[in-house]
Amino acid sequence: MISWRVRQALFLLMAAFVAWVEGFTNPFWIWNSVPIAASYVLLARARQNNMNPLPAIAFFVIACGSVLFVHAAWLYDWNGIATGSSTAGLMFIMLPVYACVLGAAAFGLQVLFLKRR
């Protein structure tokens, strides 16, 4: 099991990666770090309330994974994602919303699976 301090450092590293890809002076990195912050809060509440952490972990994997994947694709210009269009950067406006919706769906499915047991 990973200690809570190591997890905090990992969340900070994820937010730092988002800020590095977008540029530290670009304020949109804060907006794009919302799914990371939401994952941190969900995991902290599950830990604090001695709840099953699996729904929070599902949210974390889907929401943070999608944010990090898109930023890695942008950084390395996979399949021309960064240079293929003049409006390609607009995806960062809706990315946190999509990531949180997908994470919430994973959270809900995990809650349903746990209740069926």
C-alpha atoms as a PDB file:
ATOM      1  CA  MET A   1       0.000   0.000   0.000  1.00  0.00           C
ATOM      2  CA  ILE A   2       1.296   3.419  -0.925  1.00  0.00           C
ATOM      3  CA  SER A   3       1.568   5.910   1.923  1.00  0.00           C
ATOM      4  CA  TRP A   4      -0.625   8.994   1.856  1.00  0.00           C
ATOM      5  CA  ARG A   5       2.388  11.340   1.548  1.00  0.00           C
ATOM      6  CA  VAL A   6       3.557   9.536  -1.584  1.00  0.00           C
ATOM      7  CA  ARG A   7       0.054   9.826  -3.048  1.00  0.00           C
ATOM      8  CA  GLN A   8       0.040  13.559  -2.337  1.00  0.00           C
ATOM      9  CA  ALA A   9       3.346  13.893  -4.165  1.00  0.00           C
ATOM     10  CA  LEU A  10       1.948  11.928  -7.125  1.00  0.00           C
ATOM     11  CA  PHE A  11      -1.062  14.258  -7.362  1.00  0.00           C
ATOM     12  CA  LEU A  12       1.253  17.266  -7.296  1.00  0.00           C
ATOM     13  CA  LEU A  13       3.395  15.700 -10.021  1.00  0.00           C
ATOM     14  CA  MET A  14       0.320  15.127 -12.190  1.00  0.00           C
ATOM     15  CA  ALA A  15      -0.741  18.769 -11.786  1.00  0.00           C
ATOM     16  CA  ALA A  16       2.839  19.878 -12.493  1.00  0.00           C
ATOM     17  CA  PHE A  17       2.852  17.815 -15.706  1.00  0.00           C
ATOM     18  CA  VAL A  18      -0.365  19.505 -16.853  1.00  0.00           C
ATOM     19  CA  ALA A  19       1.127  22.908 -16.012  1.00  0.00           C
ATOM     20  CA  TRP A  20       4.366  22.068 -17.813  1.00  0.00           C
ATOM     21  CA  VAL A  21       2.611  20.952 -21.001  1.00  0.00           C
ATOM     22  CA  GLU A  22       0.327  23.976 -21.116  1.00  0.00           C
ATOM     23  CA  GLY A  23       2.868  26.431 -19.775  1.00  0.00           C
ATOM     24  CA  PHE A  24       3.012  27.695 -16.217  1.00  0.00           C
ATOM     25  CA  THR A  25       1.944  31.182 -17.310  1.00  0.00           C
ATOM     26  CA  ASN A  26      -1.179  29.859 -19.023  1.00  0.00           C
ATOM     27  CA  PRO A  27      -4.044  29.951 -16.486  1.00  0.00           C
ATOM     28  CA  PHE A  28      -5.870  27.085 -18.225  1.00  0.00           C
ATOM     29  CA  TRP A  29      -3.592  24.559 -16.513  1.00  0.00           C
ATOM     30  CA  ILE A  30      -5.508  25.279 -13.308  1.00  0.00           C
ATOM     31  CA  TRP A  31      -8.810  24.509 -15.069  1.00  0.00           C
ATOM     32  CA  ASN A  32      -7.353  21.337 -16.551  1.00  0.00           C
ATOM     33  CA  SER A  33      -6.180  20.209 -13.110  1.00  0.00           C
ATOM     34  CA  VAL A  34      -9.745  20.123 -11.749  1.00  0.00           C
ATOM     35  CA  PRO A  35     -10.168  16.340 -12.341  1.00  0.00           C
ATOM     36  CA  ILE A  36      -6.895  15.758 -10.502  1.00  0.00           C
ATOM     37  CA  ALA A  37      -8.090  17.845  -7.556  1.00  0.00           C
ATOM     38  CA  ALA A  38     -11.486  16.113  -7.584  1.00  0.00           C
ATOM     39  CA  SER A  39      -9.755  12.724  -7.486  1.00  0.00           C
ATOM     40  CA  TYR A  40      -7.656  13.843  -4.556  1.00  0.00           C
ATOM     41  CA  VAL A  41     -10.741  15.005  -2.656  1.00  0.00           C
ATOM     42  CA  LEU A  42     -12.660  11.787  -3.367  1.00  0.00           C
ATOM     43  CA  LEU A  43      -9.776   9.598  -2.257  1.00  0.00           C
ATOM     44  CA  ALA A  44      -9.210  11.713   0.855  1.00  0.00           C
ATOM     45  CA  ARG A  45     -12.894  11.497   1.827  1.00  0.00           C
ATOM     46  CA  ALA A  46     -12.939   7.738   1.291  1.00  0.00           C
ATOM     47  CA  ARG A  47      -9.866   7.432   3.513  1.00  0.00           C
ATOM     48  CA  GLN A  48     -11.246   9.797   6.145  1.00  0.00           C
ATOM     49  CA  ASN A  49     -14.657   8.089   6.366  1.00  0.00           C
ATOM     50  CA  ASN A  50     -13.237   4.536   6.211  1.00  0.00           C
ATOM     51  CA  MET A  51     -15.267   3.842   3.074  1.00  0.00           C
ATOM     52  CA  ASN A  52     -14.465   1.435   0.277  1.00  0.00           C
ATOM     53  CA  PRO A  53     -11.969   3.314  -1.931  1.00  0.00           C
ATOM     54  CA  LEU A  54     -12.777   1.427  -5.154  1.00  0.00           C
ATOM     55  CA  PRO A  55     -15.291   3.991  -6.531  1.00  0.00           C
ATOM     56  CA  ALA A  56     -12.839   6.813  -5.851  1.00  0.00           C
ATOM     57  CA  ILE A  57     -10.047   4.824  -7.466  1.00  0.00           C
ATOM     58  CA  ALA A  58     -12.250   4.249 -10.535  1.00  0.00           C
ATOM     59  CA  PHE A  59     -12.856   8.008 -10.771  1.00  0.00           C
ATOM     60  CA  PHE A  60      -9.132   8.638 -10.373  1.00  0.00           C
ATOM     61  CA  VAL A  61      -8.066   6.184 -13.066  1.00  0.00           C
ATOM     62  CA  ILE A  62     -10.567   7.406 -15.662  1.00  0.00           C
ATOM     63  CA  ALA A  63     -10.545  11.157 -14.966  1.00  0.00           C
ATOM     64  CA  CYS A  64      -6.841  11.625 -14.319  1.00  0.00           C
ATOM     65  CA  GLY A  65      -5.900   9.078 -16.945  1.00  0.00           C
ATOM     66  CA  SER A  66      -7.825  10.898 -19.646  1.00  0.00           C
ATOM     67  CA  VAL A  67      -6.367  14.278 -18.674  1.00  0.00           C
ATOM     68  CA  LEU A  68      -2.817  12.924 -18.623  1.00  0.00           C
ATOM     69  CA  PHE A  69      -3.336  11.000 -21.865  1.00  0.00           C
ATOM     70  CA  VAL A  70      -4.580  14.075 -23.748  1.00  0.00           C
ATOM     71  CA  HIS A  71      -1.733  16.196 -22.411  1.00  0.00           C
ATOM     72  CA  ALA A  72       0.832  13.556 -23.391  1.00  0.00           C
ATOM     73  CA  ALA A  73      -0.729  13.366 -26.854  1.00  0.00           C
ATOM     74  CA  TRP A  74      -0.506  17.148 -27.121  1.00  0.00           C
ATOM     75  CA  LEU A  75       3.102  17.228 -25.895  1.00  0.00           C
ATOM     76  CA  TYR A  76       4.327  14.574 -28.330  1.00  0.00           C
ATOM     77  CA  ASP A  77       1.936  15.621 -31.125  1.00  0.00           C
ATOM     78  CA  TRP A  78       0.531  12.128 -31.624  1.00  0.00           C
ATOM     79  CA  ASN A  79      -1.103  11.895 -35.026  1.00  0.00           C
ATOM     80  CA  GLY A  80      -0.920  15.668 -35.437  1.00  0.00           C
ATOM     81  CA  ILE A  81      -3.207  16.439 -32.484  1.00  0.00           C
ATOM     82  CA  ALA A  82      -1.374  19.678 -31.675  1.00  0.00           C
ATOM     83  CA  THR A  83      -0.456  20.827 -35.158  1.00  0.00           C
ATOM     84  CA  GLY A  84      -3.303  19.381 -37.232  1.00  0.00           C
ATOM     85  CA  SER A  85      -5.711  22.278 -36.756  1.00  0.00           C
ATOM     86  CA  SER A  86      -5.653  25.930 -35.882  1.00  0.00           C
ATOM     87  CA  THR A  87      -8.335  25.325 -33.221  1.00  0.00           C
ATOM     88  CA  ALA A  88      -6.806  22.158 -31.714  1.00  0.00           C
ATOM     89  CA  GLY A  89      -6.097  23.913 -28.419  1.00  0.00           C
ATOM     90  CA  LEU A  90      -9.813  24.400 -27.824  1.00  0.00           C
ATOM     91  CA  MET A  91     -10.028  20.828 -26.564  1.00  0.00           C
ATOM     92  CA  PHE A  92      -8.530  22.022 -23.284  1.00  0.00           C
ATOM     93  CA  ILE A  93     -11.649  24.077 -22.596  1.00  0.00           C
ATOM     94  CA  MET A  94     -13.961  21.047 -22.367  1.00  0.00           C
ATOM     95  CA  LEU A  95     -11.427  18.395 -21.334  1.00  0.00           C
ATOM     96  CA  PRO A  96     -12.005  18.693 -17.550  1.00  0.00           C
ATOM     97  CA  VAL A  97     -15.765  18.459 -18.021  1.00  0.00           C
ATOM     98  CA  TYR A  98     -15.494  15.323 -20.148  1.00  0.00           C
ATOM     99  CA  ALA A  99     -12.933  13.793 -17.790  1.00  0.00           C
ATOM    100  CA  CYS A 100     -15.136  14.419 -14.743  1.00  0.00           C
ATOM    101  CA  VAL A 101     -18.247  13.054 -16.487  1.00  0.00           C
ATOM    102  CA  LEU A 102     -16.406   9.889 -17.522  1.00  0.00           C
ATOM    103  CA  GLY A 103     -14.914   9.591 -14.036  1.00  0.00           C
ATOM    104  CA  ALA A 104     -18.343  10.037 -12.449  1.00  0.00           C
ATOM    105  CA  ALA A 105     -19.711   7.285 -14.703  1.00  0.00           C
ATOM    106  CA  ALA A 106     -16.895   4.962 -13.589  1.00  0.00           C
ATOM    107  CA  PHE A 107     -17.562   5.952  -9.965  1.00  0.00           C
ATOM    108  CA  GLY A 108     -21.274   5.162 -10.346  1.00  0.00           C
ATOM    109  CA  LEU A 109     -20.641   1.841 -12.049  1.00  0.00           C
ATOM    110  CA  GLN A 110     -18.263   0.844  -9.297  1.00  0.00           C
ATOM    111  CA  VAL A 111     -20.861   1.758  -6.649  1.00  0.00           C
ATOM    112  CA  LEU A 112     -23.429  -0.377  -8.486  1.00  0.00           C
ATOM    113  CA  PHE A 113     -21.029  -3.313  -8.697  1.00  0.00           C
ATOM    114  CA  LEU A 114     -20.259  -3.047  -4.988  1.00  0.00           C
ATOM    115  CA  LYS A 115     -23.960  -2.987  -4.083  1.00  0.00           C
ATOM    116  CA  ARG A 116     -24.653  -6.080  -6.201  1.00  0.00           C
ATOM    117  CA  ARG A 117     -22.134  -8.127  -4.241  1.00  0.00           C
END
